[in-house]
Amino acid sequence: MFHYTIALYPGDGIGIDVTAEAVKVMRAAERRFGFRLDMTEFTWGHRYWRETGQVAPDDYLDTLKSFDAIFLGAVGDPKNLPDHVTLVPLIRLRQAFDQYVCLRPAQLLPGVATPLANKQPGDIDILVVRENSEGEYVDAGGFFKPLQDDEVALQTSIHTRKGVERILRFSFEQARKRRKHLTLATKSNAFKYGMVMWDRVLAQVAPDYPDVQCDKCHIDALCMNFVRQPEFYDVVAGSNLFGDILSDLGGAIVGSLGLAPSANINPERRYPSLFEPVHGSAPDIAGKGIANPIAAIRSAAMMLDWLGQPAAAQAVESAVAANLAEGRVRTPDLGGRNTTVEVGDDIAARI
């Protein structure tokens, strides 16, 4: 029997709610396909901060590195703790464990309405590949004269050739498995160093993938085109910030951010990878039983696939697809009246 160790980091807000449903579905897959998941839960986040004054313990990276994978619900409780404090452990984890690939698929599935006109299931199938370890989210900057009238804030993004090349090569490989089209999100007309290097590395790497059509588009125009003609896009590669923005927009155009999964991957498997829904902690609806658990459940499917259980992953995705197509059990964000738990129960039962 295959045996995997999973660190559960439910976090804050609805992260706690949706993680419980993802675990329920993973247990159903575990029973059907005969593998074993040993899950250890950590109450890090705002709950831990209330008790200790820290979002996570000092040795949390040492604690996590022995696991096969990490499952995160969501983090953030901005009324009590600023997001830039709550997110520090997550960003540091992505960087320390070299999870330089963030995969964020956006698919319009049967039974789900899109806010876009004249789009049908199958018209939108985009994979955003986000560089996840450097770029705009590197902690490079500071304040001068903080809170004074002449305060200065410096924020510097850092892009390395190694980082850019490896994420572009990964993106080309993903495009080869799909529809053989890669688009780079750039802004080299304004960022004449970092984004110009991205453009240059794309031009140097592209000849190694002659079977893949590639182009580039400025991030502002690309956001517009995600709305105007999303069917044009297959794999879209972007920097840390650009990939983050595009994946949120991707969730919106396929019906709900509550459907959008993601994976933070160390492709070389030297460190555990992390899986999480794209959505945030939504503390305003936490505990009300109305959060959509499907993004978390689909993130769990991505984790099962990464661990080497593709049949289980496909069963989870098929159960989600059947739930959505039937349209009988769904949360309010999709126009339904069911609870988070009822949606989790329905999907688990289908497995």
Protein backbone atom coordinates (compact mmCIF):
# COMPACT_ATOMS: atom_id res chain seq x y z
CA MET A 1 0.00 0.00 0.00
CA PHE A 2 1.29 3.45 -0.93
CA HIS A 3 1.66 5.70 2.11
CA TYR A 4 1.99 9.50 2.08
CA THR A 5 2.46 12.07 4.83
CA ILE A 6 0.46 15.29 4.45
CA ALA A 7 0.83 18.49 6.46
CA LEU A 8 -2.54 20.25 6.80
CA TYR A 9 -2.31 24.02 7.22
CA PRO A 10 -5.98 25.12 7.20
CA GLY A 11 -5.01 28.67 8.16
CA ASP A 12 -7.73 31.25 8.66
CA GLY A 13 -11.33 32.07 7.79
CA ILE A 14 -12.92 29.78 5.25
CA GLY A 15 -9.59 28.01 4.89
CA ILE A 16 -10.63 25.97 7.91
CA ASP A 17 -14.07 25.24 6.41
CA VAL A 18 -12.91 24.15 2.97
CA THR A 19 -9.94 22.14 4.22
CA ALA A 20 -12.32 19.91 6.19
CA GLU A 21 -14.22 19.12 2.99
CA ALA A 22 -11.04 18.50 1.00
CA VAL A 23 -9.95 16.03 3.68
CA LYS A 24 -13.36 14.33 3.50
CA VAL A 25 -12.98 13.86 -0.25
CA MET A 26 -9.38 12.67 0.06
CA ARG A 27 -10.51 10.07 2.60
CA ALA A 28 -13.12 8.83 0.13
CA ALA A 29 -10.44 8.52 -2.58
CA GLU A 30 -8.14 6.80 -0.10
CA ARG A 31 -10.75 4.15 0.64
CA ARG A 32 -11.60 3.55 -3.01
CA PHE A 33 -8.06 3.39 -4.39
CA GLY A 34 -6.26 1.73 -1.51
CA PHE A 35 -3.53 4.15 -0.51
CA ARG A 36 -2.93 5.75 2.86
CA LEU A 37 -2.72 9.43 3.81
CA ASP A 38 -1.26 10.27 7.20
CA MET A 39 -2.41 13.85 7.83
CA THR A 40 -1.04 16.10 10.54
CA GLU A 41 -2.86 19.39 11.17
CA PHE A 42 -1.14 22.60 12.25
CA THR A 43 -3.16 25.51 13.63
CA TRP A 44 -0.82 28.18 12.30
CA GLY A 45 -2.17 31.53 11.19
CA HIS A 46 -4.27 33.98 13.15
CA ARG A 47 -5.28 31.36 15.72
CA TYR A 48 -1.64 30.66 16.51
CA TRP A 49 -0.85 34.38 16.56
CA ARG A 50 -3.51 34.99 19.21
CA GLU A 51 -1.82 32.44 21.47
CA THR A 52 1.85 33.16 20.79
CA GLY A 53 2.23 36.50 19.00
CA GLN A 54 3.61 34.66 15.94
CA VAL A 55 1.82 33.47 12.81
CA ALA A 56 3.92 30.29 12.79
CA PRO A 57 6.68 28.91 15.04
CA ASP A 58 10.29 29.71 14.27
CA ASP A 59 11.01 26.13 13.22
CA TYR A 60 7.97 25.66 10.96
CA LEU A 61 10.11 25.04 7.86
CA ASP A 62 12.03 22.28 9.63
CA THR A 63 8.71 20.80 10.71
CA LEU A 64 7.26 20.80 7.19
CA LYS A 65 10.24 19.63 5.17
CA SER A 66 9.81 15.97 6.16
CA PHE A 67 6.28 15.72 4.72
CA ASP A 68 5.49 14.43 1.25
CA ALA A 69 3.16 17.37 0.57
CA ILE A 70 1.49 20.33 2.24
CA PHE A 71 -2.17 21.28 1.93
CA LEU A 72 -3.11 24.89 2.72
CA GLY A 73 -6.64 26.24 3.19
CA ALA A 74 -6.16 30.02 3.12
CA VAL A 75 -4.47 32.61 5.31
CA GLY A 76 -5.46 36.08 6.46
CA ASP A 77 -7.55 37.88 9.05
CA PRO A 78 -7.02 41.54 8.14
CA LYS A 79 -9.26 42.99 10.84
CA ASN A 80 -6.91 41.63 13.46
CA LEU A 81 -3.58 41.25 11.67
CA PRO A 82 -2.32 42.89 8.45
CA ASP A 83 -2.13 40.54 5.47
CA HIS A 84 1.52 41.38 4.82
CA VAL A 85 2.27 39.86 8.23
CA THR A 86 0.02 36.80 7.89
CA LEU A 87 1.41 35.93 4.46
CA VAL A 88 5.08 35.95 5.49
CA PRO A 89 5.25 32.20 6.34
CA LEU A 90 3.57 31.22 3.06
CA ILE A 91 5.81 33.36 0.86
CA ARG A 92 8.90 32.28 2.77
CA LEU A 93 7.82 28.64 2.43
CA ARG A 94 7.46 28.93 -1.34
CA GLN A 95 10.93 30.41 -1.57
CA ALA A 96 12.72 28.20 0.99
CA PHE A 97 11.29 25.02 -0.56
CA ASP A 98 12.02 26.33 -4.08
CA GLN A 99 8.40 25.91 -5.16
CA TYR A 100 9.16 27.97 -8.21
CA VAL A 101 6.23 26.67 -10.27
CA CYS A 102 2.69 27.73 -9.41
CA LEU A 103 0.10 26.03 -11.61
CA ARG A 104 -3.32 27.67 -11.72
CA PRO A 105 -5.80 26.18 -14.20
CA ALA A 106 -8.99 27.99 -15.23
CA GLN A 107 -11.59 25.86 -17.02
CA LEU A 108 -15.22 26.60 -17.81
CA LEU A 109 -17.00 23.41 -16.77
CA PRO A 110 -20.48 22.14 -17.75
CA GLY A 111 -23.18 23.40 -15.43
CA VAL A 112 -21.32 26.60 -14.51
CA ALA A 113 -22.34 30.02 -15.82
CA THR A 114 -19.66 32.46 -16.92
CA PRO A 115 -20.12 36.24 -16.73
CA LEU A 116 -18.85 36.43 -20.31
CA ALA A 117 -21.27 36.45 -23.21
CA ASN A 118 -21.46 33.62 -25.73
CA LYS A 119 -18.93 31.33 -24.03
CA GLN A 120 -19.63 27.64 -23.59
CA PRO A 121 -17.93 24.87 -21.59
CA GLY A 122 -14.71 24.04 -23.38
CA ASP A 123 -14.25 27.58 -24.72
CA ILE A 124 -12.12 28.57 -21.72
CA ASP A 125 -9.27 26.26 -20.75
CA ILE A 126 -6.25 28.26 -19.59
CA LEU A 127 -3.28 27.15 -17.52
CA VAL A 128 -1.50 30.05 -15.82
CA VAL A 129 2.09 29.15 -14.94
CA ARG A 130 3.29 31.61 -12.33
CA GLU A 131 6.94 32.08 -11.37
CA ASN A 132 6.60 31.55 -7.64
CA SER A 133 9.96 32.07 -5.97
CA GLU A 134 11.27 35.53 -6.89
CA GLY A 135 10.15 38.56 -8.89
CA GLU A 136 7.90 41.11 -7.24
CA TYR A 137 7.40 39.08 -4.03
CA VAL A 138 11.04 39.05 -2.95
CA ASP A 139 11.43 40.96 0.31
CA ALA A 140 13.70 43.62 -1.15
CA GLY A 141 12.93 47.12 0.02
CA GLY A 142 12.16 49.18 3.05
CA PHE A 143 10.81 52.39 4.55
CA PHE A 144 12.56 55.69 5.15
CA LYS A 145 10.91 58.11 7.59
CA PRO A 146 7.94 55.79 8.16
CA LEU A 147 4.59 57.42 9.04
CA GLN A 148 5.99 60.90 8.41
CA ASP A 149 4.73 63.34 5.77
CA ASP A 150 7.82 62.75 3.63
CA GLU A 151 7.79 58.97 4.03
CA VAL A 152 9.53 56.95 1.32
CA ALA A 153 8.82 53.29 0.46
CA LEU A 154 11.19 51.30 -1.76
CA GLN A 155 10.02 48.02 -3.28
CA THR A 156 12.33 46.22 -5.69
CA SER A 157 11.50 43.17 -7.80
CA ILE A 158 14.28 40.68 -8.48
CA HIS A 159 14.31 38.51 -11.60
CA THR A 160 17.15 36.08 -12.27
CA ARG A 161 18.03 34.50 -15.58
CA LYS A 162 17.96 31.09 -13.92
CA GLY A 163 14.50 31.75 -12.50
CA VAL A 164 13.08 33.10 -15.75
CA GLU A 165 14.54 30.38 -17.93
CA ARG A 166 13.41 27.48 -15.79
CA ILE A 167 9.82 28.72 -15.52
CA LEU A 168 9.65 29.35 -19.27
CA ARG A 169 10.99 25.89 -20.05
CA PHE A 170 8.48 24.38 -17.67
CA SER A 171 5.74 26.38 -19.41
CA PHE A 172 6.82 25.18 -22.84
CA GLU A 173 6.70 21.58 -21.58
CA GLN A 174 3.17 22.13 -20.27
CA ALA A 175 2.13 23.62 -23.62
CA ARG A 176 3.48 20.53 -25.39
CA LYS A 177 1.05 18.40 -23.35
CA ARG A 178 -1.90 20.66 -24.16
CA ARG A 179 -2.67 22.73 -27.27
CA LYS A 180 0.91 23.77 -28.04
CA HIS A 181 0.47 27.50 -27.50
CA LEU A 182 2.39 29.60 -24.98
CA THR A 183 1.82 33.28 -24.18
CA LEU A 184 4.18 35.33 -22.04
CA ALA A 185 2.71 38.05 -19.81
CA THR A 186 5.13 40.95 -20.02
CA LYS A 187 5.33 44.70 -19.56
CA SER A 188 8.63 45.45 -21.22
CA ASN A 189 7.43 48.78 -22.57
CA ALA A 190 7.53 50.14 -19.00
CA PHE A 191 9.85 47.81 -17.03
CA LYS A 192 12.91 48.09 -19.22
CA TYR A 193 15.16 45.80 -17.19
CA GLY A 194 13.26 42.94 -15.57
CA MET A 195 10.61 42.47 -18.24
CA VAL A 196 13.04 43.07 -21.08
CA MET A 197 15.05 40.14 -19.69
CA TRP A 198 11.91 37.99 -19.67
CA ASP A 199 11.33 38.89 -23.34
CA ARG A 200 14.93 38.15 -24.20
CA VAL A 201 15.00 34.78 -22.46
CA LEU A 202 11.75 33.81 -24.20
CA ALA A 203 13.35 34.57 -27.58
CA GLN A 204 16.38 32.46 -26.66
CA VAL A 205 14.43 29.49 -25.32
CA ALA A 206 11.64 29.32 -27.93
CA PRO A 207 13.76 27.73 -30.71
CA ASP A 208 14.18 24.66 -28.48
CA TYR A 209 10.41 24.12 -28.75
CA PRO A 210 9.63 24.47 -32.47
CA ASP A 211 6.36 22.56 -32.04
CA VAL A 212 4.96 25.22 -29.69
CA GLN A 213 3.56 28.50 -30.98
CA CYS A 214 4.60 31.32 -28.67
CA ASP A 215 3.77 35.00 -28.36
CA LYS A 216 3.83 37.69 -25.70
CA CYS A 217 1.35 40.27 -24.51
CA HIS A 218 1.54 43.21 -22.13
CA ILE A 219 -0.21 42.42 -18.86
CA ASP A 220 -2.82 45.17 -19.22
CA ALA A 221 -3.81 44.03 -22.71
CA LEU A 222 -3.69 40.41 -21.57
CA CYS A 223 -6.20 41.08 -18.79
CA MET A 224 -8.45 42.73 -21.36
CA ASN A 225 -8.08 39.75 -23.72
CA PHE A 226 -8.89 37.23 -20.97
CA VAL A 227 -12.30 38.88 -21.03
CA ARG A 228 -12.56 39.57 -24.78
CA GLN A 229 -11.22 36.30 -26.21
CA PRO A 230 -10.21 33.79 -23.52
CA GLU A 231 -10.49 30.91 -25.99
CA PHE A 232 -7.30 32.17 -27.66
CA TYR A 233 -5.15 31.25 -24.65
CA ASP A 234 -3.69 27.90 -23.69
CA VAL A 235 -0.64 28.20 -21.37
CA VAL A 236 0.16 31.67 -20.03
CA ALA A 237 3.47 32.22 -18.25
CA GLY A 238 4.05 35.18 -15.99
CA SER A 239 6.06 36.62 -13.17
CA ASN A 240 4.99 36.23 -9.56
CA LEU A 241 2.74 39.30 -9.58
CA PHE A 242 1.42 38.95 -13.12
CA GLY A 243 0.60 35.27 -12.60
CA ASP A 244 -1.22 36.10 -9.37
CA ILE A 245 -3.38 38.73 -11.07
CA LEU A 246 -4.19 36.60 -14.10
CA SER A 247 -5.17 33.56 -12.07
CA ASP A 248 -7.69 35.56 -10.04
CA LEU A 249 -9.17 36.90 -13.26
CA GLY A 250 -9.17 33.36 -14.65
CA GLY A 251 -11.25 32.21 -11.69
CA ALA A 252 -13.74 35.01 -12.26
CA ILE A 253 -14.31 34.26 -15.95
CA VAL A 254 -14.95 30.55 -15.34
CA GLY A 255 -17.74 31.24 -12.89
CA SER A 256 -16.30 31.56 -9.40
CA LEU A 257 -13.01 31.89 -7.59
CA GLY A 258 -14.43 29.09 -5.45
CA LEU A 259 -13.65 26.69 -8.32
CA ALA A 260 -10.00 27.64 -8.91
CA PRO A 261 -7.28 25.28 -7.60
CA SER A 262 -3.52 25.74 -7.53
CA ALA A 263 -0.29 23.87 -6.94
CA ASN A 264 3.03 25.29 -5.72
CA ILE A 265 5.56 22.81 -7.03
CA ASN A 266 9.23 21.99 -6.58
CA PRO A 267 9.62 19.99 -9.82
CA GLU A 268 12.87 18.36 -8.70
CA ARG A 269 11.06 17.02 -5.59
CA ARG A 270 13.88 18.05 -3.26
CA TYR A 271 11.26 19.67 -1.04
CA PRO A 272 7.54 19.09 -0.45
CA SER A 273 5.14 20.87 -2.77
CA LEU A 274 2.14 22.83 -1.52
CA PHE A 275 -1.45 22.75 -2.77
CA GLU A 276 -4.08 25.41 -2.07
CA PRO A 277 -7.21 27.02 -3.51
CA VAL A 278 -6.61 30.31 -5.28
CA HIS A 279 -9.18 32.13 -3.15
CA GLY A 280 -8.41 33.91 0.09
CA SER A 281 -9.66 33.42 3.64
CA ALA A 282 -12.89 35.48 3.23
CA PRO A 283 -13.29 36.03 6.99
CA ASP A 284 -16.66 37.74 6.45
CA ILE A 285 -18.24 34.38 5.57
CA ALA A 286 -16.06 32.09 7.68
CA GLY A 287 -17.99 29.60 9.75
CA LYS A 288 -21.30 30.40 8.03
CA GLY A 289 -21.28 27.21 6.01
CA ILE A 290 -21.59 28.91 2.63
CA ALA A 291 -18.00 28.83 1.31
CA ASN A 292 -17.51 26.83 -1.87
CA PRO A 293 -15.14 23.92 -1.12
CA ILE A 294 -14.59 22.90 -4.74
CA ALA A 295 -11.38 24.91 -5.26
CA ALA A 296 -9.89 23.19 -2.21
CA ILE A 297 -11.16 19.80 -3.36
CA ARG A 298 -9.66 20.30 -6.83
CA SER A 299 -6.40 21.39 -5.20
CA ALA A 300 -6.47 18.09 -3.33
CA ALA A 301 -6.89 16.34 -6.68
CA MET A 302 -3.79 18.11 -7.98
CA MET A 303 -1.94 16.93 -4.87
CA LEU A 304 -3.03 13.32 -5.35
CA ASP A 305 -1.85 13.44 -8.95
CA TRP A 306 1.52 14.88 -7.87
CA LEU A 307 1.91 12.15 -5.25
CA GLY A 308 1.49 9.47 -7.90
CA GLN A 309 -2.22 8.67 -7.66
CA PRO A 310 -3.55 9.85 -11.05
CA ALA A 311 -6.60 7.56 -10.98
CA ALA A 312 -7.66 8.96 -7.62
CA ALA A 313 -7.07 12.51 -8.86
CA GLN A 314 -9.21 11.86 -11.93
CA ALA A 315 -11.94 10.35 -9.78
CA VAL A 316 -12.04 13.51 -7.68
CA GLU A 317 -12.18 15.72 -10.77
CA SER A 318 -14.91 13.54 -12.28
CA ALA A 319 -16.94 13.75 -9.08
CA VAL A 320 -16.60 17.54 -9.09
CA ALA A 321 -17.60 17.71 -12.75
CA ALA A 322 -20.66 15.52 -12.09
CA ASN A 323 -21.69 17.67 -9.13
CA LEU A 324 -21.43 20.86 -11.19
CA ALA A 325 -23.13 19.43 -14.28
CA GLU A 326 -26.09 18.16 -12.25
CA GLY A 327 -26.43 21.51 -10.48
CA ARG A 328 -28.48 20.08 -7.63
CA VAL A 329 -26.05 20.60 -4.72
CA ARG A 330 -24.16 23.86 -4.88
CA THR A 331 -23.16 26.82 -2.72
CA PRO A 332 -24.56 30.37 -3.03
CA ASP A 333 -21.67 31.69 -5.16
CA LEU A 334 -22.97 29.37 -7.90
CA GLY A 335 -26.59 30.27 -7.32
CA GLY A 336 -27.37 27.39 -4.98
CA ARG A 337 -28.64 27.12 -1.43
CA ASN A 338 -26.50 24.31 -0.08
CA THR A 339 -23.83 24.39 2.58
CA THR A 340 -20.11 23.82 2.38
CA VAL A 341 -20.54 20.47 4.13
CA GLU A 342 -23.36 19.34 1.82
CA VAL A 343 -21.25 19.99 -1.27
CA GLY A 344 -18.35 18.08 0.28
CA ASP A 345 -20.68 15.19 1.16
CA ASP A 346 -22.07 15.06 -2.38
CA ILE A 347 -18.65 14.97 -4.02
CA ALA A 348 -17.29 12.40 -1.56
CA ALA A 349 -20.33 10.18 -2.15
CA ARG A 350 -19.77 10.27 -5.91
CA ILE A 351 -16.24 8.93 -5.38
